[in-house]
Amino acid sequence: MKKGSGRRGSFMAVEILLVFLVFMAANAITGEAVFGIDMNPCALTTCTEACKSLLGDKFDSASCYQGIICMCFG
């Protein structure tokens, strides 16, 4: 075994840990919600208003699925 090779291995482990922590911090997800509301017929404006009232600040988007289901994303 070469002299000082243990220190190099521990330094590499610290570098790998730091890279892992940076990726974890960059990709932090707070939480997501997706749910459907029966709405027949589904109009996008009505769907959007319903989703905004339910989700409040967490509202992201709304979509009508097959004309009868309002999908809320937040």
PDB file of N, CA and C in Angstrom:
ATOM      1  N   MET A   1       0.842  -1.175   0.000  1.00  0.00           N
ATOM      2  CA  MET A   1       0.000   0.000   0.000  1.00  0.00           C
ATOM      3  C   MET A   1       0.882   1.232   0.000  1.00  0.00           C
ATOM      4  N   LYS A   2       0.568   2.162  -0.869  1.00  0.00           N
ATOM      5  CA  LYS A   2       1.349   3.382  -0.957  1.00  0.00           C
ATOM      6  C   LYS A   2       1.052   4.283   0.227  1.00  0.00           C
ATOM      7  N   LYS A   3       2.032   5.065   0.554  1.00  0.00           N
ATOM      8  CA  LYS A   3       1.893   6.000   1.656  1.00  0.00           C
ATOM      9  C   LYS A   3       0.929   7.125   1.253  1.00  0.00           C
ATOM     10  N   GLY A   4      -0.072   7.423   2.101  1.00  0.00           N
ATOM     11  CA  GLY A   4      -1.001   8.513   1.836  1.00  0.00           C
ATOM     12  C   GLY A   4      -2.208   8.123   0.998  1.00  0.00           C
ATOM     13  N   SER A   5      -2.330   6.850   0.609  1.00  0.00           N
ATOM     14  CA  SER A   5      -3.467   6.466  -0.229  1.00  0.00           C
ATOM     15  C   SER A   5      -4.779   6.492   0.548  1.00  0.00           C
ATOM     16  N   GLY A   6      -4.751   6.326   1.855  1.00  0.00           N
ATOM     17  CA  GLY A   6      -5.965   6.383   2.669  1.00  0.00           C
ATOM     18  C   GLY A   6      -6.573   7.769   2.688  1.00  0.00           C
ATOM     19  N   ARG A   7      -5.729   8.778   2.728  1.00  0.00           N
ATOM     20  CA  ARG A   7      -6.225  10.155   2.731  1.00  0.00           C
ATOM     21  C   ARG A   7      -6.888  10.497   1.402  1.00  0.00           C
ATOM     22  N   ARG A   8      -6.333   9.983   0.318  1.00  0.00           N
ATOM     23  CA  ARG A   8      -6.899  10.254  -0.997  1.00  0.00           C
ATOM     24  C   ARG A   8      -8.290   9.618  -1.117  1.00  0.00           C
ATOM     25  N   GLY A   9      -8.443   8.425  -0.581  1.00  0.00           N
ATOM     26  CA  GLY A   9      -9.743   7.748  -0.611  1.00  0.00           C
ATOM     27  C   GLY A   9     -10.789   8.480   0.203  1.00  0.00           C
ATOM     28  N   SER A  10     -10.403   8.968   1.372  1.00  0.00           N
ATOM     29  CA  SER A  10     -11.371   9.689   2.201  1.00  0.00           C
ATOM     30  C   SER A  10     -11.720  11.038   1.568  1.00  0.00           C
ATOM     31  N   PHE A  11     -10.754  11.663   0.897  1.00  0.00           N
ATOM     32  CA  PHE A  11     -11.025  12.924   0.208  1.00  0.00           C
ATOM     33  C   PHE A  11     -12.015  12.695  -0.929  1.00  0.00           C
ATOM     34  N   MET A  12     -11.864  11.584  -1.665  1.00  0.00           N
ATOM     35  CA  MET A  12     -12.774  11.262  -2.751  1.00  0.00           C
ATOM     36  C   MET A  12     -14.177  10.994  -2.199  1.00  0.00           C
ATOM     37  N   ALA A  13     -14.266  10.343  -1.053  1.00  0.00           N
ATOM     38  CA  ALA A  13     -15.570  10.083  -0.440  1.00  0.00           C
ATOM     39  C   ALA A  13     -16.258  11.392  -0.063  1.00  0.00           C
ATOM     40  N   VAL A  14     -15.500  12.353   0.438  1.00  0.00           N
ATOM     41  CA  VAL A  14     -16.059  13.659   0.788  1.00  0.00           C
ATOM     42  C   VAL A  14     -16.532  14.379  -0.472  1.00  0.00           C
ATOM     43  N   GLU A  15     -15.766  14.298  -1.556  1.00  0.00           N
ATOM     44  CA  GLU A  15     -16.172  14.922  -2.817  1.00  0.00           C
ATOM     45  C   GLU A  15     -17.472  14.315  -3.337  1.00  0.00           C
ATOM     46  N   ILE A  16     -17.578  13.004  -3.288  1.00  0.00           N
ATOM     47  CA  ILE A  16     -18.795  12.326  -3.745  1.00  0.00           C
ATOM     48  C   ILE A  16     -19.987  12.746  -2.889  1.00  0.00           C
ATOM     49  N   LEU A  17     -19.786  12.831  -1.591  1.00  0.00           N
ATOM     50  CA  LEU A  17     -20.853  13.259  -0.689  1.00  0.00           C
ATOM     51  C   LEU A  17     -21.298  14.687  -1.000  1.00  0.00           C
ATOM     52  N   LEU A  18     -20.351  15.572  -1.264  1.00  0.00           N
ATOM     53  CA  LEU A  18     -20.691  16.957  -1.599  1.00  0.00           C
ATOM     54  C   LEU A  18     -21.476  17.046  -2.907  1.00  0.00           C
ATOM     55  N   VAL A  19     -21.075  16.281  -3.910  1.00  0.00           N
ATOM     56  CA  VAL A  19     -21.796  16.269  -5.185  1.00  0.00           C
ATOM     57  C   VAL A  19     -23.219  15.764  -4.966  1.00  0.00           C
ATOM     58  N   PHE A  20     -23.365  14.712  -4.175  1.00  0.00           N
ATOM     59  CA  PHE A  20     -24.684  14.165  -3.865  1.00  0.00           C
ATOM     60  C   PHE A  20     -25.560  15.212  -3.173  1.00  0.00           C
ATOM     61  N   LEU A  21     -25.008  15.925  -2.205  1.00  0.00           N
ATOM     62  CA  LEU A  21     -25.771  16.940  -1.478  1.00  0.00           C
ATOM     63  C   LEU A  21     -26.188  18.098  -2.380  1.00  0.00           C
ATOM     64  N   VAL A  22     -25.317  18.484  -3.313  1.00  0.00           N
ATOM     65  CA  VAL A  22     -25.656  19.552  -4.255  1.00  0.00           C
ATOM     66  C   VAL A  22     -26.821  19.114  -5.140  1.00  0.00           C
ATOM     67  N   PHE A  23     -26.786  17.878  -5.649  1.00  0.00           N
ATOM     68  CA  PHE A  23     -27.889  17.385  -6.471  1.00  0.00           C
ATOM     69  C   PHE A  23     -29.185  17.296  -5.675  1.00  0.00           C
ATOM     70  N   MET A  24     -29.106  16.877  -4.431  1.00  0.00           N
ATOM     71  CA  MET A  24     -30.303  16.796  -3.591  1.00  0.00           C
ATOM     72  C   MET A  24     -30.900  18.183  -3.369  1.00  0.00           C
ATOM     73  N   ALA A  25     -30.064  19.167  -3.122  1.00  0.00           N
ATOM     74  CA  ALA A  25     -30.550  20.526  -2.884  1.00  0.00           C
ATOM     75  C   ALA A  25     -31.135  21.129  -4.158  1.00  0.00           C
ATOM     76  N   ALA A  26     -30.538  20.832  -5.301  1.00  0.00           N
ATOM     77  CA  ALA A  26     -31.004  21.399  -6.567  1.00  0.00           C
ATOM     78  C   ALA A  26     -32.339  20.800  -6.999  1.00  0.00           C
ATOM     79  N   ASN A  27     -32.602  19.563  -6.615  1.00  0.00           N
ATOM     80  CA  ASN A  27     -33.813  18.874  -7.056  1.00  0.00           C
ATOM     81  C   ASN A  27     -34.832  18.706  -5.940  1.00  0.00           C
ATOM     82  N   ALA A  28     -34.794  19.564  -4.948  1.00  0.00           N
ATOM     83  CA  ALA A  28     -35.728  19.445  -3.825  1.00  0.00           C
ATOM     84  C   ALA A  28     -37.156  19.675  -4.309  1.00  0.00           C
ATOM     85  N   ILE A  29     -38.017  18.750  -3.968  1.00  0.00           N
ATOM     86  CA  ILE A  29     -39.423  18.836  -4.349  1.00  0.00           C
ATOM     87  C   ILE A  29     -40.244  18.992  -3.080  1.00  0.00           C
ATOM     88  N   THR A  30     -41.069  20.004  -3.041  1.00  0.00           N
ATOM     89  CA  THR A  30     -41.850  20.261  -1.837  1.00  0.00           C
ATOM     90  C   THR A  30     -43.097  19.394  -1.769  1.00  0.00           C
ATOM     91  N   GLY A  31     -43.630  19.000  -2.874  1.00  0.00           N
ATOM     92  CA  GLY A  31     -44.837  18.183  -2.889  1.00  0.00           C
ATOM     93  C   GLY A  31     -45.718  18.574  -4.057  1.00  0.00           C
ATOM     94  N   GLU A  32     -46.423  17.612  -4.578  1.00  0.00           N
ATOM     95  CA  GLU A  32     -47.286  17.867  -5.711  1.00  0.00           C
ATOM     96  C   GLU A  32     -48.638  17.230  -5.455  1.00  0.00           C
ATOM     97  N   ALA A  33     -49.668  17.815  -6.017  1.00  0.00           N
ATOM     98  CA  ALA A  33     -51.014  17.270  -5.896  1.00  0.00           C
ATOM     99  C   ALA A  33     -51.657  17.232  -7.274  1.00  0.00           C
ATOM    100  N   VAL A  34     -52.283  16.116  -7.593  1.00  0.00           N
ATOM    101  CA  VAL A  34     -53.046  15.978  -8.825  1.00  0.00           C
ATOM    102  C   VAL A  34     -54.343  15.273  -8.448  1.00  0.00           C
ATOM    103  N   PHE A  35     -55.465  15.875  -8.783  1.00  0.00           N
ATOM    104  CA  PHE A  35     -56.738  15.220  -8.505  1.00  0.00           C
ATOM    105  C   PHE A  35     -57.763  15.660  -9.532  1.00  0.00           C
ATOM    106  N   GLY A  36     -58.832  14.895  -9.625  1.00  0.00           N
ATOM    107  CA  GLY A  36     -59.872  15.171 -10.599  1.00  0.00           C
ATOM    108  C   GLY A  36     -61.189  15.530  -9.934  1.00  0.00           C
ATOM    109  N   ILE A  37     -61.954  16.372 -10.616  1.00  0.00           N
ATOM    110  CA  ILE A  37     -63.283  16.775 -10.167  1.00  0.00           C
ATOM    111  C   ILE A  37     -64.263  16.430 -11.284  1.00  0.00           C
ATOM    112  N   ASP A  38     -65.359  15.730 -10.954  1.00  0.00           N
ATOM    113  CA  ASP A  38     -66.392  15.447 -11.953  1.00  0.00           C
ATOM    114  C   ASP A  38     -67.068  16.746 -12.345  1.00  0.00           C
ATOM    115  N   MET A  39     -67.043  17.041 -13.634  1.00  0.00           N
ATOM    116  CA  MET A  39     -67.632  18.276 -14.140  1.00  0.00           C
ATOM    117  C   MET A  39     -68.154  17.974 -15.537  1.00  0.00           C
ATOM    118  N   ASN A  40     -69.466  17.861 -15.691  1.00  0.00           N
ATOM    119  CA  ASN A  40     -70.029  17.488 -16.978  1.00  0.00           C
ATOM    120  C   ASN A  40     -70.986  18.565 -17.449  1.00  0.00           C
ATOM    121  N   PRO A  41     -70.690  19.334 -18.458  1.00  0.00           N
ATOM    122  CA  PRO A  41     -69.465  19.353 -19.255  1.00  0.00           C
ATOM    123  C   PRO A  41     -68.362  20.153 -18.563  1.00  0.00           C
ATOM    124  N   CYS A  42     -67.137  19.822 -18.893  1.00  0.00           N
ATOM    125  CA  CYS A  42     -65.977  20.500 -18.321  1.00  0.00           C
ATOM    126  C   CYS A  42     -65.559  21.644 -19.246  1.00  0.00           C
ATOM    127  N   ALA A  43     -65.640  22.858 -18.728  1.00  0.00           N
ATOM    128  CA  ALA A  43     -65.156  24.042 -19.451  1.00  0.00           C
ATOM    129  C   ALA A  43     -63.874  24.494 -18.759  1.00  0.00           C
ATOM    130  N   LEU A  44     -62.869  24.834 -19.526  1.00  0.00           N
ATOM    131  CA  LEU A  44     -61.560  25.154 -18.954  1.00  0.00           C
ATOM    132  C   LEU A  44     -61.619  26.314 -17.964  1.00  0.00           C
ATOM    133  N   THR A  45     -62.412  27.344 -18.258  1.00  0.00           N
ATOM    134  CA  THR A  45     -62.491  28.482 -17.330  1.00  0.00           C
ATOM    135  C   THR A  45     -63.111  28.066 -16.001  1.00  0.00           C
ATOM    136  N   THR A  46     -64.179  27.278 -16.044  1.00  0.00           N
ATOM    137  CA  THR A  46     -64.823  26.804 -14.817  1.00  0.00           C
ATOM    138  C   THR A  46     -63.900  25.871 -14.054  1.00  0.00           C
ATOM    139  N   CYS A  47     -63.211  25.020 -14.790  1.00  0.00           N
ATOM    140  CA  CYS A  47     -62.258  24.080 -14.195  1.00  0.00           C
ATOM    141  C   CYS A  47     -61.134  24.836 -13.493  1.00  0.00           C
ATOM    142  N   THR A  48     -60.584  25.835 -14.157  1.00  0.00           N
ATOM    143  CA  THR A  48     -59.490  26.620 -13.582  1.00  0.00           C
ATOM    144  C   THR A  48     -59.937  27.331 -12.313  1.00  0.00           C
ATOM    145  N   GLU A  49     -61.124  27.913 -12.337  1.00  0.00           N
ATOM    146  CA  GLU A  49     -61.645  28.598 -11.147  1.00  0.00           C
ATOM    147  C   GLU A  49     -61.833  27.632  -9.981  1.00  0.00           C
ATOM    148  N   ALA A  50     -62.362  26.437 -10.267  1.00  0.00           N
ATOM    149  CA  ALA A  50     -62.577  25.438  -9.215  1.00  0.00           C
ATOM    150  C   ALA A  50     -61.247  24.992  -8.610  1.00  0.00           C
ATOM    151  N   CYS A  51     -60.254  24.767  -9.458  1.00  0.00           N
ATOM    152  CA  CYS A  51     -58.938  24.337  -8.965  1.00  0.00           C
ATOM    153  C   CYS A  51     -58.268  25.432  -8.143  1.00  0.00           C
ATOM    154  N   LYS A  52     -58.368  26.671  -8.606  1.00  0.00           N
ATOM    155  CA  LYS A  52     -57.766  27.787  -7.865  1.00  0.00           C
ATOM    156  C   LYS A  52     -58.403  27.937  -6.492  1.00  0.00           C
ATOM    157  N   SER A  53     -59.727  27.748  -6.410  1.00  0.00           N
ATOM    158  CA  SER A  53     -60.398  27.893  -5.116  1.00  0.00           C
ATOM    159  C   SER A  53     -60.017  26.760  -4.164  1.00  0.00           C
ATOM    160  N   LEU A  54     -59.759  25.563  -4.695  1.00  0.00           N
ATOM    161  CA  LEU A  54     -59.379  24.431  -3.845  1.00  0.00           C
ATOM    162  C   LEU A  54     -57.910  24.461  -3.441  1.00  0.00           C
ATOM    163  N   LEU A  55     -57.033  24.824  -4.374  1.00  0.00           N
ATOM    164  CA  LEU A  55     -55.592  24.762  -4.113  1.00  0.00           C
ATOM    165  C   LEU A  55     -54.998  26.067  -3.593  1.00  0.00           C
ATOM    166  N   GLY A  56     -55.632  27.179  -3.874  1.00  0.00           N
ATOM    167  CA  GLY A  56     -55.120  28.469  -3.414  1.00  0.00           C
ATOM    168  C   GLY A  56     -53.754  28.786  -4.007  1.00  0.00           C
ATOM    169  N   ASP A  57     -52.770  29.060  -3.148  1.00  0.00           N
ATOM    170  CA  ASP A  57     -51.417  29.436  -3.583  1.00  0.00           C
ATOM    171  C   ASP A  57     -50.689  28.309  -4.302  1.00  0.00           C
ATOM    172  N   LYS A  58     -51.083  27.076  -4.056  1.00  0.00           N
ATOM    173  CA  LYS A  58     -50.378  25.930  -4.627  1.00  0.00           C
ATOM    174  C   LYS A  58     -50.865  25.569  -6.024  1.00  0.00           C
ATOM    175  N   PHE A  59     -51.838  26.307  -6.548  1.00  0.00           N
ATOM    176  CA  PHE A  59     -52.370  26.039  -7.886  1.00  0.00           C
ATOM    177  C   PHE A  59     -51.281  26.191  -8.934  1.00  0.00           C
ATOM    178  N   ASP A  60     -51.186  25.186  -9.813  1.00  0.00           N
ATOM    179  CA  ASP A  60     -50.209  25.218 -10.902  1.00  0.00           C
ATOM    180  C   ASP A  60     -50.917  25.312 -12.247  1.00  0.00           C
ATOM    181  N   SER A  61     -51.819  24.361 -12.526  1.00  0.00           N
ATOM    182  CA  SER A  61     -52.557  24.401 -13.782  1.00  0.00           C
ATOM    183  C   SER A  61     -53.809  23.534 -13.672  1.00  0.00           C
ATOM    184  N   ALA A  62     -54.663  23.653 -14.682  1.00  0.00           N
ATOM    185  CA  ALA A  62     -55.898  22.876 -14.736  1.00  0.00           C
ATOM    186  C   ALA A  62     -56.114  22.402 -16.165  1.00  0.00           C
ATOM    187  N   SER A  63     -56.821  21.279 -16.298  1.00  0.00           N
ATOM    188  CA  SER A  63     -57.058  20.721 -17.618  1.00  0.00           C
ATOM    189  C   SER A  63     -58.351  19.911 -17.599  1.00  0.00           C
ATOM    190  N   CYS A  64     -59.073  19.917 -18.719  1.00  0.00           N
ATOM    191  CA  CYS A  64     -60.275  19.091 -18.854  1.00  0.00           C
ATOM    192  C   CYS A  64     -59.889  17.780 -19.533  1.00  0.00           C
ATOM    193  N   TYR A  65     -60.332  16.668 -18.954  1.00  0.00           N
ATOM    194  CA  TYR A  65     -60.024  15.346 -19.492  1.00  0.00           C
ATOM    195  C   TYR A  65     -61.308  14.728 -20.029  1.00  0.00           C
ATOM    196  N   GLN A  66     -61.344  14.430 -21.297  1.00  0.00           N
ATOM    197  CA  GLN A  66     -62.473  13.822 -22.000  1.00  0.00           C
ATOM    198  C   GLN A  66     -63.766  14.617 -21.847  1.00  0.00           C
ATOM    199  N   GLY A  67     -63.651  15.899 -21.530  1.00  0.00           N
ATOM    200  CA  GLY A  67     -64.821  16.761 -21.460  1.00  0.00           C
ATOM    201  C   GLY A  67     -65.699  16.589 -20.242  1.00  0.00           C
ATOM    202  N   ILE A  68     -65.330  15.676 -19.315  1.00  0.00           N
ATOM    203  CA  ILE A  68     -66.176  15.444 -18.139  1.00  0.00           C
ATOM    204  C   ILE A  68     -65.420  15.479 -16.812  1.00  0.00           C
ATOM    205  N   ILE A  69     -64.101  15.490 -16.853  1.00  0.00           N
ATOM    206  CA  ILE A  69     -63.305  15.491 -15.624  1.00  0.00           C
ATOM    207  C   ILE A  69     -62.339  16.671 -15.651  1.00  0.00           C
ATOM    208  N   CYS A  70     -62.361  17.447 -14.577  1.00  0.00           N
ATOM    209  CA  CYS A  70     -61.440  18.573 -14.422  1.00  0.00           C
ATOM    210  C   CYS A  70     -60.229  18.082 -13.630  1.00  0.00           C
ATOM    211  N   MET A  71     -59.047  18.191 -14.205  1.00  0.00           N
ATOM    212  CA  MET A  71     -57.813  17.762 -13.538  1.00  0.00           C
ATOM    213  C   MET A  71     -57.105  18.991 -12.981  1.00  0.00           C
ATOM    214  N   CYS A  72     -56.816  18.948 -11.678  1.00  0.00           N
ATOM    215  CA  CYS A  72     -56.136  20.054 -10.997  1.00  0.00           C
ATOM    216  C   CYS A  72     -54.705  19.643 -10.674  1.00  0.00           C
ATOM    217  N   PHE A  73     -53.764  20.506 -10.977  1.00  0.00           N
ATOM    218  CA  PHE A  73     -52.353  20.253 -10.707  1.00  0.00           C
ATOM    219  C   PHE A  73     -51.824  21.341  -9.787  1.00  0.00           C
ATOM    220  N   GLY A  74     -51.154  20.926  -8.742  1.00  0.00           N
ATOM    221  CA  GLY A  74     -50.606  21.915  -7.815  1.00  0.00           C
ATOM    222  C   GLY A  74     -49.491  21.371  -6.984  1.00  0.00           C
TER     223      GLY A  74
END
